[in-house]
Amino acid sequence: MEETRENIGLKAFLEEIKQELTIYLNRRIRLLKLESYEVGSKAASSIGYGLILVGIVFLILFFVLLGLAFFIGELLGSLAAGFGVMAIVSALLLLLVVLFRKPLKRSMLNKTIIFFRNIESNED
């Protein structure tokens, strides 16, 4: 009869441990989900801000290049020549970007990694 009581006590103890472990795991999973949502939302907001900033920079660059094309066109006496010069300058800039794509990609990757590490360090 004592073995039965010990068995019942052991079963109850094991059941209690199982319930506690289940509760702990569920809370831990929920915490990990919330942390991943936080990191994802911070990254998404930074990406959105970056896209807005890049859009504004492109718009400014567009108008600067357009203005330079008109200015050079007036200096050369032909608007077509001014736009031709700016087209050549833009093509040269594009060529430089293509030639240096690996260092540019590496730099962007490093900055992205630093950005995510900063987010992680701010959480701690």
PDB file of N, CA and C in Angstrom:
ATOM      1  N   MET A   1       0.810  -1.185   0.000  1.00  0.00           N
ATOM      2  CA  MET A   1       0.000   0.000   0.000  1.00  0.00           C
ATOM      3  C   MET A   1       0.866   1.266   0.000  1.00  0.00           C
ATOM      4  N   GLU A   2       2.013   1.211   0.649  1.00  0.00           N
ATOM      5  CA  GLU A   2       2.906   2.360   0.664  1.00  0.00           C
ATOM      6  C   GLU A   2       3.492   2.612  -0.722  1.00  0.00           C
ATOM      7  N   GLU A   3       3.750   1.540  -1.483  1.00  0.00           N
ATOM      8  CA  GLU A   3       4.265   1.702  -2.836  1.00  0.00           C
ATOM      9  C   GLU A   3       3.249   2.438  -3.702  1.00  0.00           C
ATOM     10  N   THR A   4       2.005   2.164  -3.492  1.00  0.00           N
ATOM     11  CA  THR A   4       0.969   2.807  -4.264  1.00  0.00           C
ATOM     12  C   THR A   4       0.935   4.301  -3.958  1.00  0.00           C
ATOM     13  N   ARG A   5       1.063   4.644  -2.664  1.00  0.00           N
ATOM     14  CA  ARG A   5       1.090   6.051  -2.286  1.00  0.00           C
ATOM     15  C   ARG A   5       2.314   6.745  -2.895  1.00  0.00           C
ATOM     16  N   GLU A   6       3.455   6.080  -2.872  1.00  0.00           N
ATOM     17  CA  GLU A   6       4.668   6.647  -3.458  1.00  0.00           C
ATOM     18  C   GLU A   6       4.511   6.807  -4.967  1.00  0.00           C
ATOM     19  N   ASN A   7       3.879   5.807  -5.605  1.00  0.00           N
ATOM     20  CA  ASN A   7       3.614   5.891  -7.050  1.00  0.00           C
ATOM     21  C   ASN A   7       2.698   7.063  -7.380  1.00  0.00           C
ATOM     22  N   ILE A   8       1.647   7.219  -6.571  1.00  0.00           N
ATOM     23  CA  ILE A   8       0.705   8.311  -6.799  1.00  0.00           C
ATOM     24  C   ILE A   8       1.409   9.651  -6.586  1.00  0.00           C
ATOM     25  N   GLY A   9       2.224   9.747  -5.541  1.00  0.00           N
ATOM     26  CA  GLY A   9       2.965  10.976  -5.261  1.00  0.00           C
ATOM     27  C   GLY A   9       3.961  11.287  -6.374  1.00  0.00           C
ATOM     28  N   LEU A  10       4.636  10.263  -6.881  1.00  0.00           N
ATOM     29  CA  LEU A  10       5.589  10.445  -7.972  1.00  0.00           C
ATOM     30  C   LEU A  10       4.879  10.866  -9.250  1.00  0.00           C
ATOM     31  N   LYS A  11       3.742  10.223  -9.541  1.00  0.00           N
ATOM     32  CA  LYS A  11       2.975  10.595 -10.735  1.00  0.00           C
ATOM     33  C   LYS A  11       2.485  12.034 -10.643  1.00  0.00           C
ATOM     34  N   ALA A  12       2.002  12.429  -9.492  1.00  0.00           N
ATOM     35  CA  ALA A  12       1.524  13.801  -9.306  1.00  0.00           C
ATOM     36  C   ALA A  12       2.683  14.789  -9.455  1.00  0.00           C
ATOM     37  N   PHE A  13       3.833  14.409  -8.859  1.00  0.00           N
ATOM     38  CA  PHE A  13       5.012  15.259  -8.968  1.00  0.00           C
ATOM     39  C   PHE A  13       5.447  15.409 -10.427  1.00  0.00           C
ATOM     40  N   LEU A  14       5.485  14.307 -11.161  1.00  0.00           N
ATOM     41  CA  LEU A  14       5.870  14.344 -12.571  1.00  0.00           C
ATOM     42  C   LEU A  14       4.860  15.136 -13.398  1.00  0.00           C
ATOM     43  N   GLU A  15       3.594  14.988 -13.077  1.00  0.00           N
ATOM     44  CA  GLU A  15       2.553  15.742 -13.786  1.00  0.00           C
ATOM     45  C   GLU A  15       2.698  17.240 -13.517  1.00  0.00           C
ATOM     46  N   GLU A  16       3.018  17.589 -12.278  1.00  0.00           N
ATOM     47  CA  GLU A  16       3.216  18.994 -11.934  1.00  0.00           C
ATOM     48  C   GLU A  16       4.435  19.562 -12.666  1.00  0.00           C
ATOM     49  N   ILE A  17       5.513  18.799 -12.735  1.00  0.00           N
ATOM     50  CA  ILE A  17       6.705  19.241 -13.466  1.00  0.00           C
ATOM     51  C   ILE A  17       6.376  19.415 -14.940  1.00  0.00           C
ATOM     52  N   LYS A  18       5.597  18.488 -15.487  1.00  0.00           N
ATOM     53  CA  LYS A  18       5.213  18.572 -16.902  1.00  0.00           C
ATOM     54  C   LYS A  18       4.405  19.838 -17.166  1.00  0.00           C
ATOM     55  N   GLN A  19       3.471  20.142 -16.279  1.00  0.00           N
ATOM     56  CA  GLN A  19       2.661  21.347 -16.445  1.00  0.00           C
ATOM     57  C   GLN A  19       3.511  22.612 -16.333  1.00  0.00           C
ATOM     58  N   GLU A  20       4.400  22.644 -15.345  1.00  0.00           N
ATOM     59  CA  GLU A  20       5.283  23.802 -15.178  1.00  0.00           C
ATOM     60  C   GLU A  20       6.188  23.987 -16.394  1.00  0.00           C
ATOM     61  N   LEU A  21       6.722  22.895 -16.904  1.00  0.00           N
ATOM     62  CA  LEU A  21       7.590  22.950 -18.077  1.00  0.00           C
ATOM     63  C   LEU A  21       6.816  23.431 -19.299  1.00  0.00           C
ATOM     64  N   THR A  22       5.604  22.965 -19.464  1.00  0.00           N
ATOM     65  CA  THR A  22       4.762  23.392 -20.578  1.00  0.00           C
ATOM     66  C   THR A  22       4.469  24.889 -20.481  1.00  0.00           C
ATOM     67  N   ILE A  23       4.127  25.356 -19.290  1.00  0.00           N
ATOM     68  CA  ILE A  23       3.855  26.785 -19.088  1.00  0.00           C
ATOM     69  C   ILE A  23       5.112  27.595 -19.389  1.00  0.00           C
ATOM     70  N   TYR A  24       6.263  27.127 -18.882  1.00  0.00           N
ATOM     71  CA  TYR A  24       7.521  27.834 -19.125  1.00  0.00           C
ATOM     72  C   TYR A  24       7.835  27.900 -20.615  1.00  0.00           C
ATOM     73  N   LEU A  25       7.710  26.781 -21.304  1.00  0.00           N
ATOM     74  CA  LEU A  25       8.007  26.756 -22.745  1.00  0.00           C
ATOM     75  C   LEU A  25       7.067  27.660 -23.530  1.00  0.00           C
ATOM     76  N   ASN A  26       5.793  27.648 -23.189  1.00  0.00           N
ATOM     77  CA  ASN A  26       4.835  28.522 -23.877  1.00  0.00           C
ATOM     78  C   ASN A  26       5.164  30.001 -23.657  1.00  0.00           C
ATOM     79  N   ARG A  27       5.524  30.342 -22.436  1.00  0.00           N
ATOM     80  CA  ARG A  27       5.890  31.739 -22.156  1.00  0.00           C
ATOM     81  C   ARG A  27       7.183  32.113 -22.862  1.00  0.00           C
ATOM     82  N   ARG A  28       8.126  31.188 -22.895  1.00  0.00           N
ATOM     83  CA  ARG A  28       9.403  31.459 -23.575  1.00  0.00           C
ATOM     84  C   ARG A  28       9.187  31.659 -25.075  1.00  0.00           C
ATOM     85  N   ILE A  29       8.348  30.832 -25.678  1.00  0.00           N
ATOM     86  CA  ILE A  29       8.037  30.968 -27.109  1.00  0.00           C
ATOM     87  C   ILE A  29       7.351  32.307 -27.366  1.00  0.00           C
ATOM     88  N   ARG A  30       6.413  32.680 -26.501  1.00  0.00           N
ATOM     89  CA  ARG A  30       5.722  33.955 -26.647  1.00  0.00           C
ATOM     90  C   ARG A  30       6.705  35.124 -26.530  1.00  0.00           C
ATOM     91  N   LEU A  31       7.650  35.036 -25.596  1.00  0.00           N
ATOM     92  CA  LEU A  31       8.664  36.073 -25.438  1.00  0.00           C
ATOM     93  C   LEU A  31       9.543  36.172 -26.682  1.00  0.00           C
ATOM     94  N   LEU A  32       9.953  35.039 -27.229  1.00  0.00           N
ATOM     95  CA  LEU A  32      10.775  35.052 -28.440  1.00  0.00           C
ATOM     96  C   LEU A  32      10.017  35.655 -29.618  1.00  0.00           C
ATOM     97  N   LYS A  33       8.726  35.357 -29.712  1.00  0.00           N
ATOM     98  CA  LYS A  33       7.906  35.953 -30.777  1.00  0.00           C
ATOM     99  C   LYS A  33       7.844  37.470 -30.627  1.00  0.00           C
ATOM    100  N   LEU A  34       7.614  37.933 -29.405  1.00  0.00           N
ATOM    101  CA  LEU A  34       7.541  39.376 -29.176  1.00  0.00           C
ATOM    102  C   LEU A  34       8.872  40.057 -29.474  1.00  0.00           C
ATOM    103  N   GLU A  35       9.968  39.428 -29.081  1.00  0.00           N
ATOM    104  CA  GLU A  35      11.279  39.995 -29.374  1.00  0.00           C
ATOM    105  C   GLU A  35      11.531  40.047 -30.882  1.00  0.00           C
ATOM    106  N   SER A  36      11.137  38.988 -31.601  1.00  0.00           N
ATOM    107  CA  SER A  36      11.342  38.992 -33.054  1.00  0.00           C
ATOM    108  C   SER A  36      10.443  40.030 -33.724  1.00  0.00           C
ATOM    109  N   TYR A  37       9.230  40.233 -33.216  1.00  0.00           N
ATOM    110  CA  TYR A  37       8.357  41.278 -33.753  1.00  0.00           C
ATOM    111  C   TYR A  37       8.989  42.654 -33.538  1.00  0.00           C
ATOM    112  N   GLU A  38       9.583  42.843 -32.360  1.00  0.00           N
ATOM    113  CA  GLU A  38      10.204  44.131 -32.063  1.00  0.00           C
ATOM    114  C   GLU A  38      11.376  44.402 -33.005  1.00  0.00           C
ATOM    115  N   VAL A  39      12.249  43.407 -33.174  1.00  0.00           N
ATOM    116  CA  VAL A  39      13.398  43.580 -34.069  1.00  0.00           C
ATOM    117  C   VAL A  39      12.922  43.798 -35.499  1.00  0.00           C
ATOM    118  N   GLY A  40      11.939  43.024 -35.923  1.00  0.00           N
ATOM    119  CA  GLY A  40      11.403  43.169 -37.284  1.00  0.00           C
ATOM    120  C   GLY A  40      10.769  44.523 -37.515  1.00  0.00           C
ATOM    121  N   SER A  41      10.030  45.004 -36.522  1.00  0.00           N
ATOM    122  CA  SER A  41       9.373  46.300 -36.693  1.00  0.00           C
ATOM    123  C   SER A  41      10.391  47.439 -36.685  1.00  0.00           C
ATOM    124  N   LYS A  42      11.437  47.329 -35.863  1.00  0.00           N
ATOM    125  CA  LYS A  42      12.481  48.354 -35.880  1.00  0.00           C
ATOM    126  C   LYS A  42      13.204  48.350 -37.221  1.00  0.00           C
ATOM    127  N   ALA A  43      13.494  47.158 -37.733  1.00  0.00           N
ATOM    128  CA  ALA A  43      14.168  47.069 -39.032  1.00  0.00           C
ATOM    129  C   ALA A  43      13.277  47.621 -40.138  1.00  0.00           C
ATOM    130  N   ALA A  44      11.992  47.280 -40.102  1.00  0.00           N
ATOM    131  CA  ALA A  44      11.066  47.761 -41.135  1.00  0.00           C
ATOM    132  C   ALA A  44      10.933  49.286 -41.084  1.00  0.00           C
ATOM    133  N   SER A  45      10.880  49.835 -39.882  1.00  0.00           N
ATOM    134  CA  SER A  45      10.760  51.294 -39.788  1.00  0.00           C
ATOM    135  C   SER A  45      12.038  51.972 -40.276  1.00  0.00           C
ATOM    136  N   SER A  46      13.182  51.386 -39.983  1.00  0.00           N
ATOM    137  CA  SER A  46      14.438  51.966 -40.471  1.00  0.00           C
ATOM    138  C   SER A  46      14.550  51.847 -41.985  1.00  0.00           C
ATOM    139  N   ILE A  47      14.112  50.726 -42.521  1.00  0.00           N
ATOM    140  CA  ILE A  47      14.130  50.549 -43.976  1.00  0.00           C
ATOM    141  C   ILE A  47      13.176  51.549 -44.631  1.00  0.00           C
ATOM    142  N   GLY A  48      11.994  51.717 -44.073  1.00  0.00           N
ATOM    143  CA  GLY A  48      11.039  52.688 -44.612  1.00  0.00           C
ATOM    144  C   GLY A  48      11.594  54.093 -44.572  1.00  0.00           C
ATOM    145  N   TYR A  49      12.207  54.458 -43.450  1.00  0.00           N
ATOM    146  CA  TYR A  49      12.823  55.775 -43.335  1.00  0.00           C
ATOM    147  C   TYR A  49      13.945  55.932 -44.360  1.00  0.00           C
ATOM    148  N   GLY A  50      14.747  54.891 -44.516  1.00  0.00           N
ATOM    149  CA  GLY A  50      15.838  54.925 -45.495  1.00  0.00           C
ATOM    150  C   GLY A  50      15.315  55.087 -46.908  1.00  0.00           C
ATOM    151  N   LEU A  51      14.228  54.405 -47.231  1.00  0.00           N
ATOM    152  CA  LEU A  51      13.644  54.530 -48.575  1.00  0.00           C
ATOM    153  C   LEU A  51      13.113  55.934 -48.826  1.00  0.00           C
ATOM    154  N   ILE A  52      12.495  56.520 -47.822  1.00  0.00           N
ATOM    155  CA  ILE A  52      12.015  57.898 -47.963  1.00  0.00           C
ATOM    156  C   ILE A  52      13.196  58.835 -48.175  1.00  0.00           C
ATOM    157  N   LEU A  53      14.243  58.642 -47.381  1.00  0.00           N
ATOM    158  CA  LEU A  53      15.434  59.477 -47.507  1.00  0.00           C
ATOM    159  C   LEU A  53      16.087  59.315 -48.872  1.00  0.00           C
ATOM    160  N   VAL A  54      16.197  58.087 -49.346  1.00  0.00           N
ATOM    161  CA  VAL A  54      16.786  57.835 -50.668  1.00  0.00           C
ATOM    162  C   VAL A  54      15.920  58.460 -51.762  1.00  0.00           C
ATOM    163  N   GLY A  55      14.620  58.375 -51.628  1.00  0.00           N
ATOM    164  CA  GLY A  55      13.723  58.992 -52.603  1.00  0.00           C
ATOM    165  C   GLY A  55      13.912  60.492 -52.686  1.00  0.00           C
ATOM    166  N   ILE A  56      14.040  61.127 -51.533  1.00  0.00           N
ATOM    167  CA  ILE A  56      14.254  62.580 -51.518  1.00  0.00           C
ATOM    168  C   ILE A  56      15.608  62.931 -52.128  1.00  0.00           C
ATOM    169  N   VAL A  57      16.637  62.145 -51.803  1.00  0.00           N
ATOM    170  CA  VAL A  57      17.963  62.387 -52.381  1.00  0.00           C
ATOM    171  C   VAL A  57      17.920  62.233 -53.896  1.00  0.00           C
ATOM    172  N   PHE A  58      17.229  61.198 -54.390  1.00  0.00           N
ATOM    173  CA  PHE A  58      17.111  61.019 -55.837  1.00  0.00           C
ATOM    174  C   PHE A  58      16.375  62.186 -56.491  1.00  0.00           C
ATOM    175  N   LEU A  59      15.349  62.670 -55.845  1.00  0.00           N
ATOM    176  CA  LEU A  59      14.607  63.805 -56.380  1.00  0.00           C
ATOM    177  C   LEU A  59      15.499  65.051 -56.452  1.00  0.00           C
ATOM    178  N   ILE A  60      16.239  65.300 -55.385  1.00  0.00           N
ATOM    179  CA  ILE A  60      17.167  66.441 -55.385  1.00  0.00           C
ATOM    180  C   ILE A  60      18.223  66.259 -56.473  1.00  0.00           C
ATOM    181  N   LEU A  61      18.772  65.051 -56.558  1.00  0.00           N
ATOM    182  CA  LEU A  61      19.794  64.768 -57.574  1.00  0.00           C
ATOM    183  C   LEU A  61      19.237  64.962 -58.982  1.00  0.00           C
ATOM    184  N   PHE A  62      18.002  64.543 -59.194  1.00  0.00           N
ATOM    185  CA  PHE A  62      17.357  64.716 -60.497  1.00  0.00           C
ATOM    186  C   PHE A  62      17.307  66.199 -60.877  1.00  0.00           C
ATOM    187  N   PHE A  63      16.844  67.030 -59.954  1.00  0.00           N
ATOM    188  CA  PHE A  63      16.719  68.449 -60.264  1.00  0.00           C
ATOM    189  C   PHE A  63      18.081  69.128 -60.415  1.00  0.00           C
ATOM    190  N   VAL A  64      19.057  68.693 -59.627  1.00  0.00           N
ATOM    191  CA  VAL A  64      20.404  69.261 -59.770  1.00  0.00           C
ATOM    192  C   VAL A  64      20.973  68.917 -61.139  1.00  0.00           C
ATOM    193  N   LEU A  65      20.838  67.650 -61.533  1.00  0.00           N
ATOM    194  CA  LEU A  65      21.354  67.241 -62.845  1.00  0.00           C
ATOM    195  C   LEU A  65      20.599  67.933 -63.979  1.00  0.00           C
ATOM    196  N   LEU A  66      19.312  68.091 -63.820  1.00  0.00           N
ATOM    197  CA  LEU A  66      18.517  68.797 -64.824  1.00  0.00           C
ATOM    198  C   LEU A  66      18.956  70.259 -64.934  1.00  0.00           C
ATOM    199  N   GLY A  67      19.156  70.890 -63.797  1.00  0.00           N
ATOM    200  CA  GLY A  67      19.627  72.270 -63.795  1.00  0.00           C
ATOM    201  C   GLY A  67      21.017  72.400 -64.407  1.00  0.00           C
ATOM    202  N   LEU A  68      21.897  71.453 -64.067  1.00  0.00           N
ATOM    203  CA  LEU A  68      23.241  71.461 -64.661  1.00  0.00           C
ATOM    204  C   LEU A  68      23.178  71.274 -66.171  1.00  0.00           C
ATOM    205  N   ALA A  69      22.278  70.434 -66.626  1.00  0.00           N
ATOM    206  CA  ALA A  69      22.142  70.212 -68.064  1.00  0.00           C
ATOM    207  C   ALA A  69      21.719  71.504 -68.763  1.00  0.00           C
ATOM    208  N   PHE A  70      20.761  72.218 -68.194  1.00  0.00           N
ATOM    209  CA  PHE A  70      20.358  73.497 -68.777  1.00  0.00           C
ATOM    210  C   PHE A  70      21.491  74.521 -68.720  1.00  0.00           C
ATOM    211  N   PHE A  71      22.203  74.564 -67.595  1.00  0.00           N
ATOM    212  CA  PHE A  71      23.300  75.517 -67.439  1.00  0.00           C
ATOM    213  C   PHE A  71      24.417  75.242 -68.444  1.00  0.00           C
ATOM    214  N   ILE A  72      24.821  73.966 -68.546  1.00  0.00           N
ATOM    215  CA  ILE A  72      25.873  73.608 -69.507  1.00  0.00           C
ATOM    216  C   ILE A  72      25.393  73.848 -70.935  1.00  0.00           C
ATOM    217  N   GLY A  73      24.119  73.577 -71.180  1.00  0.00           N
ATOM    218  CA  GLY A  73      23.544  73.834 -72.492  1.00  0.00           C
ATOM    219  C   GLY A  73      23.621  75.301 -72.873  1.00  0.00           C
ATOM    220  N   GLU A  74      23.342  76.183 -71.918  1.00  0.00           N
ATOM    221  CA  GLU A  74      23.442  77.624 -72.199  1.00  0.00           C
ATOM    222  C   GLU A  74      24.890  78.033 -72.440  1.00  0.00           C
ATOM    223  N   LEU A  75      25.820  77.455 -71.679  1.00  0.00           N
ATOM    224  CA  LEU A  75      27.238  77.776 -71.876  1.00  0.00           C
ATOM    225  C   LEU A  75      27.737  77.325 -73.251  1.00  0.00           C
ATOM    226  N   LEU A  76      27.241  76.149 -73.689  1.00  0.00           N
ATOM    227  CA  LEU A  76      27.669  75.617 -74.975  1.00  0.00           C
ATOM    228  C   LEU A  76      26.836  76.149 -76.139  1.00  0.00           C
ATOM    229  N   GLY A  77      25.750  76.813 -75.839  1.00  0.00           N
ATOM    230  CA  GLY A  77      24.890  77.368 -76.886  1.00  0.00           C
ATOM    231  C   GLY A  77      23.907  76.360 -77.447  1.00  0.00           C
ATOM    232  N   SER A  78      23.794  75.196 -76.833  1.00  0.00           N
ATOM    233  CA  SER A  78      22.865  74.173 -77.311  1.00  0.00           C
ATOM    234  C   SER A  78      22.379  73.349 -76.121  1.00  0.00           C
ATOM    235  N   LEU A  79      21.051  73.330 -75.928  1.00  0.00           N
ATOM    236  CA  LEU A  79      20.506  72.524 -74.837  1.00  0.00           C
ATOM    237  C   LEU A  79      20.801  71.045 -75.041  1.00  0.00           C
ATOM    238  N   ALA A  80      20.781  70.603 -76.287  1.00  0.00           N
ATOM    239  CA  ALA A  80      21.078  69.196 -76.572  1.00  0.00           C
ATOM    240  C   ALA A  80      22.497  68.846 -76.132  1.00  0.00           C
ATOM    241  N   ALA A  81      23.432  69.744 -76.351  1.00  0.00           N
ATOM    242  CA  ALA A  81      24.813  69.491 -75.930  1.00  0.00           C
ATOM    243  C   ALA A  81      24.904  69.436 -74.404  1.00  0.00           C
ATOM    244  N   GLY A  82      24.178  70.301 -73.717  1.00  0.00           N
ATOM    245  CA  GLY A  82      24.166  70.282 -72.247  1.00  0.00           C
ATOM    246  C   GLY A  82      23.620  68.974 -71.701  1.00  0.00           C
ATOM    247  N   PHE A  83      22.515  68.510 -72.300  1.00  0.00           N
ATOM    248  CA  PHE A  83      21.950  67.236 -71.854  1.00  0.00           C
ATOM    249  C   PHE A  83      22.857  66.071 -72.254  1.00  0.00           C
ATOM    250  N   GLY A  84      23.544  66.202 -73.378  1.00  0.00           N
ATOM    251  CA  GLY A  84      24.493  65.166 -73.793  1.00  0.00           C
ATOM    252  C   GLY A  84      25.655  65.055 -72.824  1.00  0.00           C
ATOM    253  N   VAL A  85      26.183  66.191 -72.402  1.00  0.00           N
ATOM    254  CA  VAL A  85      27.280  66.189 -71.422  1.00  0.00           C
ATOM    255  C   VAL A  85      26.816  65.553 -70.115  1.00  0.00           C
ATOM    256  N   MET A  86      25.635  65.911 -69.652  1.00  0.00           N
ATOM    257  CA  MET A  86      25.131  65.331 -68.394  1.00  0.00           C
ATOM    258  C   MET A  86      24.843  63.843 -68.545  1.00  0.00           C
ATOM    259  N   ALA A  87      24.411  63.421 -69.734  1.00  0.00           N
ATOM    260  CA  ALA A  87      24.188  61.998 -69.969  1.00  0.00           C
ATOM    261  C   ALA A  87      25.515  61.246 -69.899  1.00  0.00           C
ATOM    262  N   ILE A  88      26.558  61.812 -70.454  1.00  0.00           N
ATOM    263  CA  ILE A  88      27.872  61.175 -70.410  1.00  0.00           C
ATOM    264  C   ILE A  88      28.386  61.120 -68.967  1.00  0.00           C
ATOM    265  N   VAL A  89      28.233  62.209 -68.224  1.00  0.00           N
ATOM    266  CA  VAL A  89      28.655  62.225 -66.820  1.00  0.00           C
ATOM    267  C   VAL A  89      27.884  61.178 -66.023  1.00  0.00           C
ATOM    268  N   SER A  90      26.579  61.077 -66.251  1.00  0.00           N
ATOM    269  CA  SER A  90      25.761  60.084 -65.548  1.00  0.00           C
ATOM    270  C   SER A  90      26.175  58.676 -65.930  1.00  0.00           C
ATOM    271  N   ALA A  91      26.486  58.438 -67.207  1.00  0.00           N
ATOM    272  CA  ALA A  91      26.939  57.117 -67.646  1.00  0.00           C
ATOM    273  C   ALA A  91      28.274  56.758 -67.000  1.00  0.00           C
ATOM    274  N   LEU A  92      29.162  57.730 -66.859  1.00  0.00           N
ATOM    275  CA  LEU A  92      30.444  57.480 -66.189  1.00  0.00           C
ATOM    276  C   LEU A  92      30.246  57.145 -64.715  1.00  0.00           C
ATOM    277  N   LEU A  93      29.330  57.845 -64.062  1.00  0.00           N
ATOM    278  CA  LEU A  93      29.025  57.528 -62.663  1.00  0.00           C
ATOM    279  C   LEU A  93      28.451  56.114 -62.528  1.00  0.00           C
ATOM    280  N   LEU A  94      27.576  55.743 -63.455  1.00  0.00           N
ATOM    281  CA  LEU A  94      27.018  54.398 -63.451  1.00  0.00           C
ATOM    282  C   LEU A  94      28.115  53.360 -63.664  1.00  0.00           C
ATOM    283  N   LEU A  95      29.038  53.635 -64.563  1.00  0.00           N
ATOM    284  CA  LEU A  95      30.158  52.728 -64.811  1.00  0.00           C
ATOM    285  C   LEU A  95      31.004  52.558 -63.548  1.00  0.00           C
ATOM    286  N   LEU A  96      31.251  53.644 -62.832  1.00  0.00           N
ATOM    287  CA  LEU A  96      32.014  53.552 -61.584  1.00  0.00           C
ATOM    288  C   LEU A  96      31.297  52.691 -60.548  1.00  0.00           C
ATOM    289  N   VAL A  97      29.996  52.852 -60.456  1.00  0.00           N
ATOM    290  CA  VAL A  97      29.222  52.047 -59.505  1.00  0.00           C
ATOM    291  C   VAL A  97      29.297  50.573 -59.886  1.00  0.00           C
ATOM    292  N   VAL A  98      29.196  50.270 -61.168  1.00  0.00           N
ATOM    293  CA  VAL A  98      29.262  48.879 -61.618  1.00  0.00           C
ATOM    294  C   VAL A  98      30.656  48.309 -61.370  1.00  0.00           C
ATOM    295  N   LEU A  99      31.691  49.088 -61.630  1.00  0.00           N
ATOM    296  CA  LEU A  99      33.063  48.611 -61.429  1.00  0.00           C
ATOM    297  C   LEU A  99      33.368  48.352 -59.952  1.00  0.00           C
ATOM    298  N   PHE A 100      32.824  49.160 -59.076  1.00  0.00           N
ATOM    299  CA  PHE A 100      33.084  49.019 -57.649  1.00  0.00           C
ATOM    300  C   PHE A 100      31.927  48.367 -56.903  1.00  0.00           C
ATOM    301  N   ARG A 101      31.199  47.475 -57.578  1.00  0.00           N
ATOM    302  CA  ARG A 101      30.019  46.881 -56.941  1.00  0.00           C
ATOM    303  C   ARG A 101      30.377  45.994 -55.765  1.00  0.00           C
ATOM    304  N   LYS A 102      31.470  45.219 -55.841  1.00  0.00           N
ATOM    305  CA  LYS A 102      31.826  44.329 -54.725  1.00  0.00           C
ATOM    306  C   LYS A 102      32.167  45.107 -53.460  1.00  0.00           C
ATOM    307  N   PRO A 103      33.027  46.129 -53.532  1.00  0.00           N
ATOM    308  CA  PRO A 103      33.272  46.897 -52.303  1.00  0.00           C
ATOM    309  C   PRO A 103      32.016  47.613 -51.795  1.00  0.00           C
ATOM    310  N   LEU A 104      31.180  48.079 -52.707  1.00  0.00           N
ATOM    311  CA  LEU A 104      29.935  48.732 -52.286  1.00  0.00           C
ATOM    312  C   LEU A 104      29.010  47.742 -51.590  1.00  0.00           C
ATOM    313  N   LYS A 105      28.886  46.537 -52.159  1.00  0.00           N
ATOM    314  CA  LYS A 105      28.039  45.511 -51.543  1.00  0.00           C
ATOM    315  C   LYS A 105      28.575  45.139 -50.162  1.00  0.00           C
ATOM    316  N   ARG A 106      29.893  44.968 -50.063  1.00  0.00           N
ATOM    317  CA  ARG A 106      30.518  44.605 -48.793  1.00  0.00           C
ATOM    318  C   ARG A 106      30.277  45.695 -47.757  1.00  0.00           C
ATOM    319  N   SER A 107      30.407  46.936 -48.169  1.00  0.00           N
ATOM    320  CA  SER A 107      30.178  48.054 -47.254  1.00  0.00           C
ATOM    321  C   SER A 107      28.729  48.075 -46.773  1.00  0.00           C
ATOM    322  N   MET A 108      27.786  47.875 -47.693  1.00  0.00           N
ATOM    323  CA  MET A 108      26.368  47.853 -47.307  1.00  0.00           C
ATOM    324  C   MET A 108      26.072  46.685 -46.371  1.00  0.00           C
ATOM    325  N   LEU A 109      26.670  45.532 -46.657  1.00  0.00           N
ATOM    326  CA  LEU A 109      26.469  44.365 -45.798  1.00  0.00           C
ATOM    327  C   LEU A 109      27.002  44.637 -44.400  1.00  0.00           C
ATOM    328  N   ASN A 110      28.197  45.205 -44.304  1.00  0.00           N
ATOM    329  CA  ASN A 110      28.775  45.511 -42.993  1.00  0.00           C
ATOM    330  C   ASN A 110      27.920  46.516 -42.228  1.00  0.00           C
ATOM    331  N   LYS A 111      27.417  47.522 -42.918  1.00  0.00           N
ATOM    332  CA  LYS A 111      26.565  48.515 -42.251  1.00  0.00           C
ATOM    333  C   LYS A 111      25.257  47.883 -41.782  1.00  0.00           C
ATOM    334  N   THR A 112      24.723  46.944 -42.567  1.00  0.00           N
ATOM    335  CA  THR A 112      23.497  46.253 -42.170  1.00  0.00           C
ATOM    336  C   THR A 112      23.742  45.404 -40.927  1.00  0.00           C
ATOM    337  N   ILE A 113      24.865  44.700 -40.903  1.00  0.00           N
ATOM    338  CA  ILE A 113      25.193  43.876 -39.737  1.00  0.00           C
ATOM    339  C   ILE A 113      25.377  44.753 -38.503  1.00  0.00           C
ATOM    340  N   ILE A 114      26.065  45.878 -38.663  1.00  0.00           N
ATOM    341  CA  ILE A 114      26.256  46.799 -37.536  1.00  0.00           C
ATOM    342  C   ILE A 114      24.906  47.330 -37.057  1.00  0.00           C
ATOM    343  N   PHE A 115      24.011  47.626 -37.999  1.00  0.00           N
ATOM    344  CA  PHE A 115      22.679  48.119 -37.642  1.00  0.00           C
ATOM    345  C   PHE A 115      21.931  47.094 -36.797  1.00  0.00           C
ATOM    346  N   PHE A 116      21.931  45.814 -37.215  1.00  0.00           N
ATOM    347  CA  PHE A 116      21.213  44.785 -36.463  1.00  0.00           C
ATOM    348  C   PHE A 116      21.876  44.518 -35.113  1.00  0.00           C
ATOM    349  N   ARG A 117      23.195  44.606 -35.051  1.00  0.00           N
ATOM    350  CA  ARG A 117      23.877  44.431 -33.759  1.00  0.00           C
ATOM    351  C   ARG A 117      23.513  45.565 -32.812  1.00  0.00           C
ATOM    352  N   ASN A 118      23.391  46.779 -33.329  1.00  0.00           N
ATOM    353  CA  ASN A 118      22.979  47.907 -32.494  1.00  0.00           C
ATOM    354  C   ASN A 118      21.573  47.700 -31.953  1.00  0.00           C
ATOM    355  N   ILE A 119      20.689  47.158 -32.764  1.00  0.00           N
ATOM    356  CA  ILE A 119      19.331  46.872 -32.295  1.00  0.00           C
ATOM    357  C   ILE A 119      19.377  45.853 -31.184  1.00  0.00           C
ATOM    358  N   GLU A 120      20.191  44.792 -31.351  1.00  0.00           N
ATOM    359  CA  GLU A 120      20.308  43.769 -30.313  1.00  0.00           C
ATOM    360  C   GLU A 120      20.892  44.332 -29.034  1.00  0.00           C
ATOM    361  N   SER A 121      21.910  45.181 -29.146  1.00  0.00           N
ATOM    362  CA  SER A 121      22.540  45.742 -27.945  1.00  0.00           C
ATOM    363  C   SER A 121      21.599  46.693 -27.222  1.00  0.00           C
ATOM    364  N   ASN A 122      20.724  47.375 -27.956  1.00  0.00           N
ATOM    365  CA  ASN A 122      19.742  48.266 -27.325  1.00  0.00           C
ATOM    366  C   ASN A 122      18.692  47.474 -26.562  1.00  0.00           C
ATOM    367  N   GLU A 123      18.443  46.244 -26.980  1.00  0.00           N
ATOM    368  CA  GLU A 123      17.461  45.405 -26.284  1.00  0.00           C
ATOM    369  C   GLU A 123      17.975  44.949 -24.932  1.00  0.00           C
ATOM    370  N   ASP A 124      19.283  44.720 -24.862  1.00  0.00           N
ATOM    371  CA  ASP A 124      19.865  44.229 -23.602  1.00  0.00           C
ATOM    372  C   ASP A 124      19.957  45.345 -22.634  1.00  0.00           C
TER     373      ASP A 124
END
